[in-house]
Amino acid sequence: MKKIQVLWLIALLVVNTGWYVVSQQSATQEINRPGADFSDNREAEINSLLGEDADFQIEYCFESINGGIYNVSIEVQQDSKTIHSWNGTTDDQCMEYKSSAKKGEIVILTQIEDGVEVTTNLLTWPLSNALVPGIVLFTIGTVALAFGESFIRKLIKKKLDSQSLESLPEPAPSETIQTGIWQEPVRPN
């Protein structure tokens, strides 16, 4: 395999690995956090670049400020339908719920008692559905660039070769005298 082909294979690997890393990045939306104004009813957006469904994850923690144990609950709704519901106490550990739903708006309802701090984050992966089409697109683009580069190199070489042949001076005809057996010595130009 030629050196240039190995370099293009490495470029293809780098481009597609980069796309994989980018497509797996999450976008975080803070719903509630300690120190900010608490709202028991928050709206959030679930989006995806391709497809009708989008993956999401909700992370929530409830902590008691004064050490007491309080009842808490969280509910996730989309189009007035409950997607996820959880009831517990501040003594429970932090929870995560991962699922997929239609693209669009969701409502996160949080019920807490006084003396409770809540941290709620919504994570989405807007590019994850575009992983395979992105790899196909970037592969086609990289291969087209590789063939285009070699085609352009051949065109430039062909043009330079034709110009160099045209620019060479023609050798001057030598003058020879045909009298006798003597002739003019041949000298390099």
C-alpha atoms as a PDB file:
ATOM      1  CA  MET A   1       0.000   0.000   0.000  1.00  0.00           C
ATOM      2  CA  LYS A   2       1.336   3.410  -0.923  1.00  0.00           C
ATOM      3  CA  LYS A   3       2.187   5.968   1.726  1.00  0.00           C
ATOM      4  CA  ILE A   4      -0.494   8.407   0.502  1.00  0.00           C
ATOM      5  CA  GLN A   5      -3.178   5.708   0.761  1.00  0.00           C
ATOM      6  CA  VAL A   6      -2.184   4.997   4.353  1.00  0.00           C
ATOM      7  CA  LEU A   7      -2.392   8.716   5.130  1.00  0.00           C
ATOM      8  CA  TRP A   8      -5.899   8.915   3.634  1.00  0.00           C
ATOM      9  CA  LEU A   9      -6.993   5.874   5.655  1.00  0.00           C
ATOM     10  CA  ILE A  10      -5.693   7.573   8.799  1.00  0.00           C
ATOM     11  CA  ALA A  11      -7.551  10.764   7.818  1.00  0.00           C
ATOM     12  CA  LEU A  12     -10.739   8.745   7.309  1.00  0.00           C
ATOM     13  CA  LEU A  13     -10.321   7.152  10.724  1.00  0.00           C
ATOM     14  CA  VAL A  14      -9.656  10.518  12.405  1.00  0.00           C
ATOM     15  CA  VAL A  15     -12.665  12.208  10.762  1.00  0.00           C
ATOM     16  CA  ASN A  16     -15.082   9.408  11.660  1.00  0.00           C
ATOM     17  CA  THR A  17     -13.714   9.071  15.194  1.00  0.00           C
ATOM     18  CA  GLY A  18     -14.162  12.811  15.639  1.00  0.00           C
ATOM     19  CA  TRP A  19     -17.757  12.572  14.412  1.00  0.00           C
ATOM     20  CA  TYR A  20     -18.421   9.681  16.810  1.00  0.00           C
ATOM     21  CA  VAL A  21     -17.096  11.696  19.765  1.00  0.00           C
ATOM     22  CA  VAL A  22     -19.125  14.774  18.780  1.00  0.00           C
ATOM     23  CA  SER A  23     -22.336  12.807  18.229  1.00  0.00           C
ATOM     24  CA  GLN A  24     -22.103  11.210  21.674  1.00  0.00           C
ATOM     25  CA  GLN A  25     -21.837  14.538  23.510  1.00  0.00           C
ATOM     26  CA  SER A  26     -24.783  15.395  25.728  1.00  0.00           C
ATOM     27  CA  ALA A  27     -26.494  18.735  26.124  1.00  0.00           C
ATOM     28  CA  THR A  28     -27.417  19.506  29.728  1.00  0.00           C
ATOM     29  CA  GLN A  29     -30.376  21.637  30.763  1.00  0.00           C
ATOM     30  CA  GLU A  30     -30.554  22.648  34.423  1.00  0.00           C
ATOM     31  CA  ILE A  31     -34.114  22.277  35.646  1.00  0.00           C
ATOM     32  CA  ASN A  32     -33.597  23.045  39.348  1.00  0.00           C
ATOM     33  CA  ARG A  33     -30.450  23.557  41.376  1.00  0.00           C
ATOM     34  CA  PRO A  34     -29.566  24.678  44.901  1.00  0.00           C
ATOM     35  CA  GLY A  35     -29.129  28.427  45.231  1.00  0.00           C
ATOM     36  CA  ALA A  36     -31.479  29.237  42.344  1.00  0.00           C
ATOM     37  CA  ASP A  37     -35.185  29.971  42.455  1.00  0.00           C
ATOM     38  CA  PHE A  38     -37.093  26.710  42.786  1.00  0.00           C
ATOM     39  CA  SER A  39     -39.950  26.048  40.419  1.00  0.00           C
ATOM     40  CA  ASP A  40     -42.245  23.066  40.791  1.00  0.00           C
ATOM     41  CA  ASN A  41     -43.198  23.235  37.101  1.00  0.00           C
ATOM     42  CA  ARG A  42     -40.423  23.543  34.498  1.00  0.00           C
ATOM     43  CA  GLU A  43     -40.564  23.121  30.747  1.00  0.00           C
ATOM     44  CA  ALA A  44     -37.680  21.668  28.769  1.00  0.00           C
ATOM     45  CA  GLU A  45     -37.003  20.768  25.154  1.00  0.00           C
ATOM     46  CA  ILE A  46     -36.030  17.348  23.798  1.00  0.00           C
ATOM     47  CA  ASN A  47     -34.485  17.586  20.323  1.00  0.00           C
ATOM     48  CA  SER A  48     -32.773  15.367  17.815  1.00  0.00           C
ATOM     49  CA  LEU A  49     -31.137  16.187  14.496  1.00  0.00           C
ATOM     50  CA  LEU A  50     -32.720  13.206  12.716  1.00  0.00           C
ATOM     51  CA  GLY A  51     -35.704  11.013  13.489  1.00  0.00           C
ATOM     52  CA  GLU A  52     -38.861  11.502  15.481  1.00  0.00           C
ATOM     53  CA  ASP A  53     -37.587  10.152  18.796  1.00  0.00           C
ATOM     54  CA  ALA A  54     -34.855  11.523  21.007  1.00  0.00           C
ATOM     55  CA  ASP A  55     -32.953   9.962  23.901  1.00  0.00           C
ATOM     56  CA  PHE A  56     -32.949  11.787  27.211  1.00  0.00           C
ATOM     57  CA  GLN A  57     -31.887  11.264  30.804  1.00  0.00           C
ATOM     58  CA  ILE A  58     -33.131  12.978  33.934  1.00  0.00           C
ATOM     59  CA  GLU A  59     -30.881  13.094  36.988  1.00  0.00           C
ATOM     60  CA  TYR A  60     -32.395  14.237  40.270  1.00  0.00           C
ATOM     61  CA  CYS A  61     -31.185  14.545  43.857  1.00  0.00           C
ATOM     62  CA  PHE A  62     -33.152  15.647  46.898  1.00  0.00           C
ATOM     63  CA  GLU A  63     -31.269  16.727  50.025  1.00  0.00           C
ATOM     64  CA  SER A  64     -32.560  17.827  53.379  1.00  0.00           C
ATOM     65  CA  ILE A  65     -31.158  21.137  54.600  1.00  0.00           C
ATOM     66  CA  ASN A  66     -31.698  20.451  58.326  1.00  0.00           C
ATOM     67  CA  GLY A  67     -31.205  16.661  58.408  1.00  0.00           C
ATOM     68  CA  GLY A  68     -34.898  15.703  58.462  1.00  0.00           C
ATOM     69  CA  ILE A  69     -36.468  13.175  56.166  1.00  0.00           C
ATOM     70  CA  TYR A  70     -39.064  14.651  53.815  1.00  0.00           C
ATOM     71  CA  ASN A  71     -41.305  13.266  51.092  1.00  0.00           C
ATOM     72  CA  VAL A  72     -40.432  14.279  47.551  1.00  0.00           C
ATOM     73  CA  SER A  73     -41.649  13.396  44.056  1.00  0.00           C
ATOM     74  CA  ILE A  74     -40.896  14.117  40.440  1.00  0.00           C
ATOM     75  CA  GLU A  75     -43.031  13.576  37.356  1.00  0.00           C
ATOM     76  CA  VAL A  76     -42.163  14.007  33.679  1.00  0.00           C
ATOM     77  CA  GLN A  77     -44.986  14.702  31.235  1.00  0.00           C
ATOM     78  CA  GLN A  78     -45.193  15.114  27.482  1.00  0.00           C
ATOM     79  CA  ASP A  79     -48.455  16.114  25.803  1.00  0.00           C
ATOM     80  CA  SER A  80     -50.229  15.727  29.187  1.00  0.00           C
ATOM     81  CA  LYS A  81     -49.120  12.077  29.408  1.00  0.00           C
ATOM     82  CA  THR A  82     -46.849  10.877  32.188  1.00  0.00           C
ATOM     83  CA  ILE A  83     -43.533   9.551  30.873  1.00  0.00           C
ATOM     84  CA  HIS A  84     -41.905   8.994  34.269  1.00  0.00           C
ATOM     85  CA  SER A  85     -43.008   9.311  37.865  1.00  0.00           C
ATOM     86  CA  TRP A  86     -41.049   8.778  41.076  1.00  0.00           C
ATOM     87  CA  ASN A  87     -41.934   9.188  44.777  1.00  0.00           C
ATOM     88  CA  GLY A  88     -39.447   8.900  47.595  1.00  0.00           C
ATOM     89  CA  THR A  89     -37.756  10.694  50.466  1.00  0.00           C
ATOM     90  CA  THR A  90     -34.724  12.880  50.941  1.00  0.00           C
ATOM     91  CA  ASP A  91     -33.038   9.823  52.436  1.00  0.00           C
ATOM     92  CA  ASP A  92     -32.935   8.151  48.988  1.00  0.00           C
ATOM     93  CA  GLN A  93     -29.854   8.402  46.817  1.00  0.00           C
ATOM     94  CA  CYS A  94     -29.643  10.420  43.616  1.00  0.00           C
ATOM     95  CA  MET A  95     -31.656   8.838  40.826  1.00  0.00           C
ATOM     96  CA  GLU A  96     -31.382   8.664  37.045  1.00  0.00           C
ATOM     97  CA  TYR A  97     -34.056   7.880  34.502  1.00  0.00           C
ATOM     98  CA  LYS A  98     -33.057   7.240  30.896  1.00  0.00           C
ATOM     99  CA  SER A  99     -35.506   6.773  28.052  1.00  0.00           C
ATOM    100  CA  SER A 100     -36.537   8.089  24.672  1.00  0.00           C
ATOM    101  CA  ALA A 101     -39.579  10.097  23.696  1.00  0.00           C
ATOM    102  CA  LYS A 102     -40.961  12.112  20.829  1.00  0.00           C
ATOM    103  CA  LYS A 103     -39.120  15.299  20.003  1.00  0.00           C
ATOM    104  CA  GLY A 104     -40.712  18.315  21.587  1.00  0.00           C
ATOM    105  CA  GLU A 105     -41.465  19.901  24.900  1.00  0.00           C
ATOM    106  CA  ILE A 106     -41.681  18.084  28.215  1.00  0.00           C
ATOM    107  CA  VAL A 107     -42.845  19.347  31.591  1.00  0.00           C
ATOM    108  CA  ILE A 108     -41.030  18.367  34.783  1.00  0.00           C
ATOM    109  CA  LEU A 109     -43.183  18.592  37.915  1.00  0.00           C
ATOM    110  CA  THR A 110     -41.297  18.535  41.224  1.00  0.00           C
ATOM    111  CA  GLN A 111     -42.977  18.407  44.649  1.00  0.00           C
ATOM    112  CA  ILE A 112     -40.913  19.034  47.764  1.00  0.00           C
ATOM    113  CA  GLU A 113     -41.515  20.179  51.318  1.00  0.00           C
ATOM    114  CA  ASP A 114     -39.820  23.140  52.982  1.00  0.00           C
ATOM    115  CA  GLY A 115     -36.245  22.392  53.989  1.00  0.00           C
ATOM    116  CA  VAL A 116     -35.372  20.439  50.842  1.00  0.00           C
ATOM    117  CA  GLU A 117     -32.881  21.352  48.136  1.00  0.00           C
ATOM    118  CA  VAL A 118     -33.322  19.759  44.737  1.00  0.00           C
ATOM    119  CA  THR A 119     -30.926  19.311  41.834  1.00  0.00           C
ATOM    120  CA  THR A 120     -32.537  18.250  38.561  1.00  0.00           C
ATOM    121  CA  ASN A 121     -30.750  18.035  35.213  1.00  0.00           C
ATOM    122  CA  LEU A 122     -32.047  16.962  31.820  1.00  0.00           C
ATOM    123  CA  LEU A 123     -29.479  15.483  29.446  1.00  0.00           C
ATOM    124  CA  THR A 124     -30.161  15.039  25.740  1.00  0.00           C
ATOM    125  CA  TRP A 125     -28.062  13.736  22.864  1.00  0.00           C
ATOM    126  CA  PRO A 126     -29.233  15.755  19.848  1.00  0.00           C
ATOM    127  CA  LEU A 127     -26.695  14.276  17.395  1.00  0.00           C
ATOM    128  CA  SER A 128     -26.811  10.618  18.451  1.00  0.00           C
ATOM    129  CA  ASN A 129     -29.493   9.703  15.887  1.00  0.00           C
ATOM    130  CA  ALA A 130     -27.278  11.153  13.136  1.00  0.00           C
ATOM    131  CA  LEU A 131     -24.266   8.922  13.905  1.00  0.00           C
ATOM    132  CA  VAL A 132     -24.593   6.499  10.972  1.00  0.00           C
ATOM    133  CA  PRO A 133     -25.642   9.088   8.343  1.00  0.00           C
ATOM    134  CA  GLY A 134     -22.803  11.326   9.547  1.00  0.00           C
ATOM    135  CA  ILE A 135     -20.237   8.544   9.200  1.00  0.00           C
ATOM    136  CA  VAL A 136     -21.506   7.791   5.682  1.00  0.00           C
ATOM    137  CA  LEU A 137     -21.404  11.483   4.739  1.00  0.00           C
ATOM    138  CA  PHE A 138     -17.920  12.065   6.171  1.00  0.00           C
ATOM    139  CA  THR A 139     -16.592   8.869   4.561  1.00  0.00           C
ATOM    140  CA  ILE A 140     -17.919   9.887   1.140  1.00  0.00           C
ATOM    141  CA  GLY A 141     -16.498  13.389   1.613  1.00  0.00           C
ATOM    142  CA  THR A 142     -13.069  12.113   2.641  1.00  0.00           C
ATOM    143  CA  VAL A 143     -12.900   9.615  -0.236  1.00  0.00           C
ATOM    144  CA  ALA A 144     -14.007  12.313  -2.709  1.00  0.00           C
ATOM    145  CA  LEU A 145     -11.339  14.633  -1.324  1.00  0.00           C
ATOM    146  CA  ALA A 146      -8.690  11.902  -1.667  1.00  0.00           C
ATOM    147  CA  PHE A 147      -9.566  11.141  -5.294  1.00  0.00           C
ATOM    148  CA  GLY A 148      -9.970  14.843  -6.054  1.00  0.00           C
ATOM    149  CA  GLU A 149      -6.539  15.555  -4.617  1.00  0.00           C
ATOM    150  CA  SER A 150      -4.856  12.877  -6.751  1.00  0.00           C
ATOM    151  CA  PHE A 151      -6.787  14.019  -9.848  1.00  0.00           C
ATOM    152  CA  ILE A 152      -5.698  17.653  -9.301  1.00  0.00           C
ATOM    153  CA  ARG A 153      -2.080  16.532  -8.798  1.00  0.00           C
ATOM    154  CA  LYS A 154      -2.136  14.658 -12.115  1.00  0.00           C
ATOM    155  CA  LEU A 155      -3.656  17.660 -13.907  1.00  0.00           C
ATOM    156  CA  ILE A 156      -1.034  20.019 -12.517  1.00  0.00           C
ATOM    157  CA  LYS A 157       1.796  17.613 -13.396  1.00  0.00           C
ATOM    158  CA  LYS A 158       0.466  17.189 -16.929  1.00  0.00           C
ATOM    159  CA  LYS A 159       0.190  20.965 -17.397  1.00  0.00           C
ATOM    160  CA  LEU A 160       3.702  21.577 -16.032  1.00  0.00           C
ATOM    161  CA  ASP A 161       5.158  18.852 -18.264  1.00  0.00           C
ATOM    162  CA  SER A 162       3.524  20.309 -21.379  1.00  0.00           C
ATOM    163  CA  GLN A 163       4.712  23.829 -20.491  1.00  0.00           C
ATOM    164  CA  SER A 164       8.286  22.669 -19.896  1.00  0.00           C
ATOM    165  CA  LEU A 165       8.419  20.946 -23.300  1.00  0.00           C
ATOM    166  CA  GLU A 166       7.177  24.086 -25.050  1.00  0.00           C
ATOM    167  CA  SER A 167       9.666  26.357 -23.325  1.00  0.00           C
ATOM    168  CA  LEU A 168      12.814  24.396 -24.269  1.00  0.00           C
ATOM    169  CA  PRO A 169      14.812  26.270 -26.983  1.00  0.00           C
ATOM    170  CA  GLU A 170      15.409  24.474 -30.240  1.00  0.00           C
ATOM    171  CA  PRO A 171      19.069  23.743 -30.996  1.00  0.00           C
ATOM    172  CA  ALA A 172      20.588  26.069 -33.610  1.00  0.00           C
ATOM    173  CA  PRO A 173      21.492  24.368 -36.900  1.00  0.00           C
ATOM    174  CA  SER A 174      25.221  23.934 -37.259  1.00  0.00           C
ATOM    175  CA  GLU A 175      26.965  25.403 -40.244  1.00  0.00           C
ATOM    176  CA  THR A 176      29.206  22.995 -42.046  1.00  0.00           C
ATOM    177  CA  ILE A 177      31.516  23.716 -44.891  1.00  0.00           C
ATOM    178  CA  GLN A 178      31.726  20.903 -47.380  1.00  0.00           C
ATOM    179  CA  THR A 179      35.090  21.655 -49.003  1.00  0.00           C
ATOM    180  CA  GLY A 180      37.546  18.891 -48.796  1.00  0.00           C
ATOM    181  CA  ILE A 181      37.851  16.347 -46.109  1.00  0.00           C
ATOM    182  CA  TRP A 182      38.100  18.934 -43.391  1.00  0.00           C
ATOM    183  CA  GLN A 183      35.064  19.890 -41.356  1.00  0.00           C
ATOM    184  CA  GLU A 184      34.221  22.295 -38.564  1.00  0.00           C
ATOM    185  CA  PRO A 185      34.673  20.725 -35.094  1.00  0.00           C
ATOM    186  CA  VAL A 186      31.402  19.866 -33.289  1.00  0.00           C
ATOM    187  CA  ARG A 187      31.011  21.948 -30.159  1.00  0.00           C
ATOM    188  CA  PRO A 188      28.397  21.497 -27.432  1.00  0.00           C
ATOM    189  CA  ASN A 189      25.768  24.246 -27.245  1.00  0.00           C
END
